[in-house]
Amino acid sequence: MTGLEILRPAEAAKRLGVRTRVIIEAMYYDRLPRVRLDDGTLGIPADALDDFDPSVQVRSS
């Protein structure tokens, strides 16, 4: 194990104080890296939250 902490989207949202939807959208628009977990779901490396600004929103038209 490398010691890299992987968070589920709900936990990442809780740490940032935003809705889970903000994290899911950021993952969809490649603003946050995704890591596939053993159970098939996606997670986020905890250190990626340091550089993430949840106030920036990307919407497609």
PDB file of N, CA and C in Angstrom:
ATOM      1  N   MET A   1       0.845  -1.185   0.000  1.00  0.00           N
ATOM      2  CA  MET A   1       0.000   0.000   0.000  1.00  0.00           C
ATOM      3  C   MET A   1       0.884   1.240   0.000  1.00  0.00           C
ATOM      4  N   THR A   2       0.510   2.231  -0.768  1.00  0.00           N
ATOM      5  CA  THR A   2       1.312   3.438  -0.906  1.00  0.00           C
ATOM      6  C   THR A   2       0.979   4.499   0.131  1.00  0.00           C
ATOM      7  N   GLY A   3      -0.072   4.309   0.885  1.00  0.00           N
ATOM      8  CA  GLY A   3      -0.464   5.292   1.877  1.00  0.00           C
ATOM      9  C   GLY A   3      -1.343   6.391   1.307  1.00  0.00           C
ATOM     10  N   LEU A   4      -1.725   6.259   0.046  1.00  0.00           N
ATOM     11  CA  LEU A   4      -2.586   7.237  -0.594  1.00  0.00           C
ATOM     12  C   LEU A   4      -4.016   7.045  -0.088  1.00  0.00           C
ATOM     13  N   GLU A   5      -4.603   8.107   0.461  1.00  0.00           N
ATOM     14  CA  GLU A   5      -5.966   8.021   0.984  1.00  0.00           C
ATOM     15  C   GLU A   5      -6.954   8.318  -0.149  1.00  0.00           C
ATOM     16  N   ILE A   6      -7.864   7.397  -0.386  1.00  0.00           N
ATOM     17  CA  ILE A   6      -8.889   7.556  -1.408  1.00  0.00           C
ATOM     18  C   ILE A   6     -10.224   7.791  -0.716  1.00  0.00           C
ATOM     19  N   LEU A   7     -10.911   8.841  -1.129  1.00  0.00           N
ATOM     20  CA  LEU A   7     -12.190   9.199  -0.518  1.00  0.00           C
ATOM     21  C   LEU A   7     -13.337   8.911  -1.472  1.00  0.00           C
ATOM     22  N   ARG A   8     -14.444   8.513  -0.926  1.00  0.00           N
ATOM     23  CA  ARG A   8     -15.678   8.442  -1.707  1.00  0.00           C
ATOM     24  C   ARG A   8     -16.175   9.869  -1.886  1.00  0.00           C
ATOM     25  N   PRO A   9     -16.955  10.124  -2.931  1.00  0.00           N
ATOM     26  CA  PRO A   9     -17.438  11.494  -3.185  1.00  0.00           C
ATOM     27  C   PRO A   9     -18.150  12.135  -2.004  1.00  0.00           C
ATOM     28  N   ALA A  10     -18.937  11.378  -1.267  1.00  0.00           N
ATOM     29  CA  ALA A  10     -19.654  11.946  -0.121  1.00  0.00           C
ATOM     30  C   ALA A  10     -18.689  12.428   0.964  1.00  0.00           C
ATOM     31  N   GLU A  11     -17.635  11.681   1.205  1.00  0.00           N
ATOM     32  CA  GLU A  11     -16.647  12.078   2.216  1.00  0.00           C
ATOM     33  C   GLU A  11     -15.860  13.302   1.741  1.00  0.00           C
ATOM     34  N   ALA A  12     -15.516  13.337   0.465  1.00  0.00           N
ATOM     35  CA  ALA A  12     -14.809  14.504  -0.082  1.00  0.00           C
ATOM     36  C   ALA A  12     -15.680  15.752   0.048  1.00  0.00           C
ATOM     37  N   ALA A  13     -16.962  15.612  -0.243  1.00  0.00           N
ATOM     38  CA  ALA A  13     -17.888  16.739  -0.129  1.00  0.00           C
ATOM     39  C   ALA A  13     -17.985  17.219   1.308  1.00  0.00           C
ATOM     40  N   LYS A  14     -18.036  16.291   2.233  1.00  0.00           N
ATOM     41  CA  LYS A  14     -18.130  16.644   3.646  1.00  0.00           C
ATOM     42  C   LYS A  14     -16.884  17.427   4.081  1.00  0.00           C
ATOM     43  N   ARG A  15     -15.722  16.980   3.638  1.00  0.00           N
ATOM     44  CA  ARG A  15     -14.472  17.666   4.014  1.00  0.00           C
ATOM     45  C   ARG A  15     -14.402  19.081   3.447  1.00  0.00           C
ATOM     46  N   LEU A  16     -14.985  19.280   2.262  1.00  0.00           N
ATOM     47  CA  LEU A  16     -14.961  20.605   1.633  1.00  0.00           C
ATOM     48  C   LEU A  16     -16.152  21.468   2.034  1.00  0.00           C
ATOM     49  N   GLY A  17     -17.160  20.853   2.632  1.00  0.00           N
ATOM     50  CA  GLY A  17     -18.350  21.603   3.027  1.00  0.00           C
ATOM     51  C   GLY A  17     -19.241  21.963   1.857  1.00  0.00           C
ATOM     52  N   VAL A  18     -19.303  21.077   0.868  1.00  0.00           N
ATOM     53  CA  VAL A  18     -20.152  21.295  -0.309  1.00  0.00           C
ATOM     54  C   VAL A  18     -21.067  20.092  -0.491  1.00  0.00           C
ATOM     55  N   ARG A  19     -22.015  20.220  -1.408  1.00  0.00           N
ATOM     56  CA  ARG A  19     -22.907  19.097  -1.712  1.00  0.00           C
ATOM     57  C   ARG A  19     -22.150  18.030  -2.500  1.00  0.00           C
ATOM     58  N   THR A  20     -22.556  16.797  -2.358  1.00  0.00           N
ATOM     59  CA  THR A  20     -21.924  15.696  -3.084  1.00  0.00           C
ATOM     60  C   THR A  20     -22.020  15.913  -4.587  1.00  0.00           C
ATOM     61  N   ARG A  21     -23.088  16.532  -5.023  1.00  0.00           N
ATOM     62  CA  ARG A  21     -23.274  16.797  -6.454  1.00  0.00           C
ATOM     63  C   ARG A  21     -22.122  17.628  -7.035  1.00  0.00           C
ATOM     64  N   VAL A  22     -21.582  18.564  -6.260  1.00  0.00           N
ATOM     65  CA  VAL A  22     -20.456  19.389  -6.712  1.00  0.00           C
ATOM     66  C   VAL A  22     -19.245  18.504  -7.005  1.00  0.00           C
ATOM     67  N   ILE A  23     -18.998  17.531  -6.159  1.00  0.00           N
ATOM     68  CA  ILE A  23     -17.872  16.618  -6.341  1.00  0.00           C
ATOM     69  C   ILE A  23     -18.100  15.718  -7.549  1.00  0.00           C
ATOM     70  N   ILE A  24     -19.307  15.194  -7.686  1.00  0.00           N
ATOM     71  CA  ILE A  24     -19.626  14.323  -8.825  1.00  0.00           C
ATOM     72  C   ILE A  24     -19.450  15.089 -10.137  1.00  0.00           C
ATOM     73  N   GLU A  25     -19.950  16.317 -10.194  1.00  0.00           N
ATOM     74  CA  GLU A  25     -19.799  17.123 -11.411  1.00  0.00           C
ATOM     75  C   GLU A  25     -18.329  17.413 -11.698  1.00  0.00           C
ATOM     76  N   ALA A  26     -17.549  17.701 -10.671  1.00  0.00           N
ATOM     77  CA  ALA A  26     -16.123  17.958 -10.863  1.00  0.00           C
ATOM     78  C   ALA A  26     -15.410  16.720 -11.395  1.00  0.00           C
ATOM     79  N   MET A  27     -15.807  15.562 -10.937  1.00  0.00           N
ATOM     80  CA  MET A  27     -15.231  14.325 -11.458  1.00  0.00           C
ATOM     81  C   MET A  27     -15.638  14.135 -12.922  1.00  0.00           C
ATOM     82  N   TYR A  28     -16.889  14.406 -13.242  1.00  0.00           N
ATOM     83  CA  TYR A  28     -17.391  14.242 -14.602  1.00  0.00           C
ATOM     84  C   TYR A  28     -16.656  15.158 -15.586  1.00  0.00           C
ATOM     85  N   TYR A  29     -16.413  16.404 -15.162  1.00  0.00           N
ATOM     86  CA  TYR A  29     -15.752  17.382 -16.034  1.00  0.00           C
ATOM     87  C   TYR A  29     -14.231  17.364 -15.885  1.00  0.00           C
ATOM     88  N   ASP A  30     -13.689  16.302 -15.291  1.00  0.00           N
ATOM     89  CA  ASP A  30     -12.240  16.099 -15.129  1.00  0.00           C
ATOM     90  C   ASP A  30     -11.550  17.201 -14.355  1.00  0.00           C
ATOM     91  N   ARG A  31     -12.256  17.818 -13.417  1.00  0.00           N
ATOM     92  CA  ARG A  31     -11.635  18.805 -12.529  1.00  0.00           C
ATOM     93  C   ARG A  31     -11.056  18.133 -11.295  1.00  0.00           C
ATOM     94  N   LEU A  32     -11.480  16.921 -11.035  1.00  0.00           N
ATOM     95  CA  LEU A  32     -10.930  16.093  -9.965  1.00  0.00           C
ATOM     96  C   LEU A  32     -10.562  14.739 -10.554  1.00  0.00           C
ATOM     97  N   PRO A  33      -9.423  14.188 -10.150  1.00  0.00           N
ATOM     98  CA  PRO A  33      -9.046  12.864 -10.659  1.00  0.00           C
ATOM     99  C   PRO A  33      -9.944  11.782 -10.067  1.00  0.00           C
ATOM    100  N   ARG A  34     -10.126  10.734 -10.841  1.00  0.00           N
ATOM    101  CA  ARG A  34     -10.948   9.605 -10.394  1.00  0.00           C
ATOM    102  C   ARG A  34     -10.066   8.376 -10.222  1.00  0.00           C
ATOM    103  N   VAL A  35     -10.387   7.597  -9.219  1.00  0.00           N
ATOM    104  CA  VAL A  35      -9.696   6.337  -8.968  1.00  0.00           C
ATOM    105  C   VAL A  35     -10.765   5.270  -8.822  1.00  0.00           C
ATOM    106  N   ARG A  36     -10.656   4.212  -9.612  1.00  0.00           N
ATOM    107  CA  ARG A  36     -11.626   3.119  -9.503  1.00  0.00           C
ATOM    108  C   ARG A  36     -11.282   2.262  -8.294  1.00  0.00           C
ATOM    109  N   LEU A  37     -12.265   2.077  -7.427  1.00  0.00           N
ATOM    110  CA  LEU A  37     -12.093   1.273  -6.223  1.00  0.00           C
ATOM    111  C   LEU A  37     -12.379  -0.198  -6.524  1.00  0.00           C
ATOM    112  N   ASP A  38     -12.009  -1.063  -5.609  1.00  0.00           N
ATOM    113  CA  ASP A  38     -12.183  -2.503  -5.796  1.00  0.00           C
ATOM    114  C   ASP A  38     -13.630  -2.902  -6.033  1.00  0.00           C
ATOM    115  N   ASP A  39     -14.571  -2.142  -5.443  1.00  0.00           N
ATOM    116  CA  ASP A  39     -15.981  -2.494  -5.611  1.00  0.00           C
ATOM    117  C   ASP A  39     -16.586  -1.895  -6.891  1.00  0.00           C
ATOM    118  N   GLY A  40     -15.764  -1.236  -7.712  1.00  0.00           N
ATOM    119  CA  GLY A  40     -16.244  -0.700  -8.982  1.00  0.00           C
ATOM    120  C   GLY A  40     -16.683   0.750  -8.933  1.00  0.00           C
ATOM    121  N   THR A  41     -16.800   1.324  -7.741  1.00  0.00           N
ATOM    122  CA  THR A  41     -17.180   2.727  -7.633  1.00  0.00           C
ATOM    123  C   THR A  41     -15.950   3.608  -7.826  1.00  0.00           C
ATOM    124  N   LEU A  42     -16.179   4.901  -7.918  1.00  0.00           N
ATOM    125  CA  LEU A  42     -15.074   5.832  -8.109  1.00  0.00           C
ATOM    126  C   LEU A  42     -14.796   6.608  -6.840  1.00  0.00           C
ATOM    127  N   GLY A  43     -13.536   6.879  -6.605  1.00  0.00           N
ATOM    128  CA  GLY A  43     -13.115   7.667  -5.462  1.00  0.00           C
ATOM    129  C   GLY A  43     -12.191   8.779  -5.924  1.00  0.00           C
ATOM    130  N   ILE A  44     -11.773   9.601  -4.973  1.00  0.00           N
ATOM    131  CA  ILE A  44     -10.924  10.750  -5.242  1.00  0.00           C
ATOM    132  C   ILE A  44      -9.733  10.691  -4.299  1.00  0.00           C
ATOM    133  N   PRO A  45      -8.517  10.895  -4.808  1.00  0.00           N
ATOM    134  CA  PRO A  45      -7.373  10.988  -3.893  1.00  0.00           C
ATOM    135  C   PRO A  45      -7.550  12.179  -2.957  1.00  0.00           C
ATOM    136  N   ALA A  46      -7.332  11.985  -1.682  1.00  0.00           N
ATOM    137  CA  ALA A  46      -7.546  13.040  -0.689  1.00  0.00           C
ATOM    138  C   ALA A  46      -6.687  14.262  -0.967  1.00  0.00           C
ATOM    139  N   ASP A  47      -5.474  14.062  -1.458  1.00  0.00           N
ATOM    140  CA  ASP A  47      -4.603  15.206  -1.702  1.00  0.00           C
ATOM    141  C   ASP A  47      -5.063  16.074  -2.876  1.00  0.00           C
ATOM    142  N   ALA A  48      -5.947  15.545  -3.721  1.00  0.00           N
ATOM    143  CA  ALA A  48      -6.488  16.332  -4.839  1.00  0.00           C
ATOM    144  C   ALA A  48      -7.416  17.436  -4.343  1.00  0.00           C
ATOM    145  N   LEU A  49      -7.941  17.291  -3.138  1.00  0.00           N
ATOM    146  CA  LEU A  49      -8.847  18.299  -2.597  1.00  0.00           C
ATOM    147  C   LEU A  49      -8.108  19.588  -2.238  1.00  0.00           C
ATOM    148  N   ASP A  50      -6.793  19.503  -2.028  1.00  0.00           N
ATOM    149  CA  ASP A  50      -6.014  20.685  -1.664  1.00  0.00           C
ATOM    150  C   ASP A  50      -6.057  21.757  -2.751  1.00  0.00           C
ATOM    151  N   ASP A  51      -6.054  21.343  -4.020  1.00  0.00           N
ATOM    152  CA  ASP A  51      -6.014  22.283  -5.138  1.00  0.00           C
ATOM    153  C   ASP A  51      -7.378  22.545  -5.760  1.00  0.00           C
ATOM    154  N   PHE A  52      -8.412  21.914  -5.247  1.00  0.00           N
ATOM    155  CA  PHE A  52      -9.742  22.026  -5.844  1.00  0.00           C
ATOM    156  C   PHE A  52     -10.475  23.242  -5.289  1.00  0.00           C
ATOM    157  N   ASP A  53     -11.025  24.064  -6.189  1.00  0.00           N
ATOM    158  CA  ASP A  53     -11.811  25.234  -5.803  1.00  0.00           C
ATOM    159  C   ASP A  53     -13.273  24.957  -6.158  1.00  0.00           C
ATOM    160  N   PRO A  54     -14.107  24.630  -5.173  1.00  0.00           N
ATOM    161  CA  PRO A  54     -15.502  24.279  -5.477  1.00  0.00           C
ATOM    162  C   PRO A  54     -16.342  25.454  -5.966  1.00  0.00           C
ATOM    163  N   SER A  55     -15.850  26.681  -5.822  1.00  0.00           N
ATOM    164  CA  SER A  55     -16.636  27.836  -6.268  1.00  0.00           C
ATOM    165  C   SER A  55     -16.609  27.992  -7.791  1.00  0.00           C
ATOM    166  N   VAL A  56     -15.664  27.343  -8.464  1.00  0.00           N
ATOM    167  CA  VAL A  56     -15.605  27.400  -9.924  1.00  0.00           C
ATOM    168  C   VAL A  56     -16.510  26.316 -10.475  1.00  0.00           C
ATOM    169  N   GLN A  57     -17.517  26.728 -11.236  1.00  0.00           N
ATOM    170  CA  GLN A  57     -18.464  25.756 -11.796  1.00  0.00           C
ATOM    171  C   GLN A  57     -18.339  25.734 -13.310  1.00  0.00           C
ATOM    172  N   VAL A  58     -18.325  24.531 -13.853  1.00  0.00           N
ATOM    173  CA  VAL A  58     -18.255  24.344 -15.299  1.00  0.00           C
ATOM    174  C   VAL A  58     -19.567  23.734 -15.735  1.00  0.00           C
ATOM    175  N   ARG A  59     -20.241  24.386 -16.602  1.00  0.00           N
ATOM    176  CA  ARG A  59     -21.527  23.883 -17.129  1.00  0.00           C
ATOM    177  C   ARG A  59     -21.422  23.785 -18.635  1.00  0.00           C
ATOM    178  N   SER A  60     -21.919  22.712 -19.185  1.00  0.00           N
ATOM    179  CA  SER A  60     -21.965  22.602 -20.650  1.00  0.00           C
ATOM    180  C   SER A  60     -23.256  23.254 -21.135  1.00  0.00           C
ATOM    181  N   SER A  61     -23.212  23.747 -22.364  1.00  0.00           N
ATOM    182  CA  SER A  61     -24.407  24.413 -22.889  1.00  0.00           C
ATOM    183  C   SER A  61     -25.322  23.496 -23.623  1.00  0.00           C
TER     184      SER A  61
END
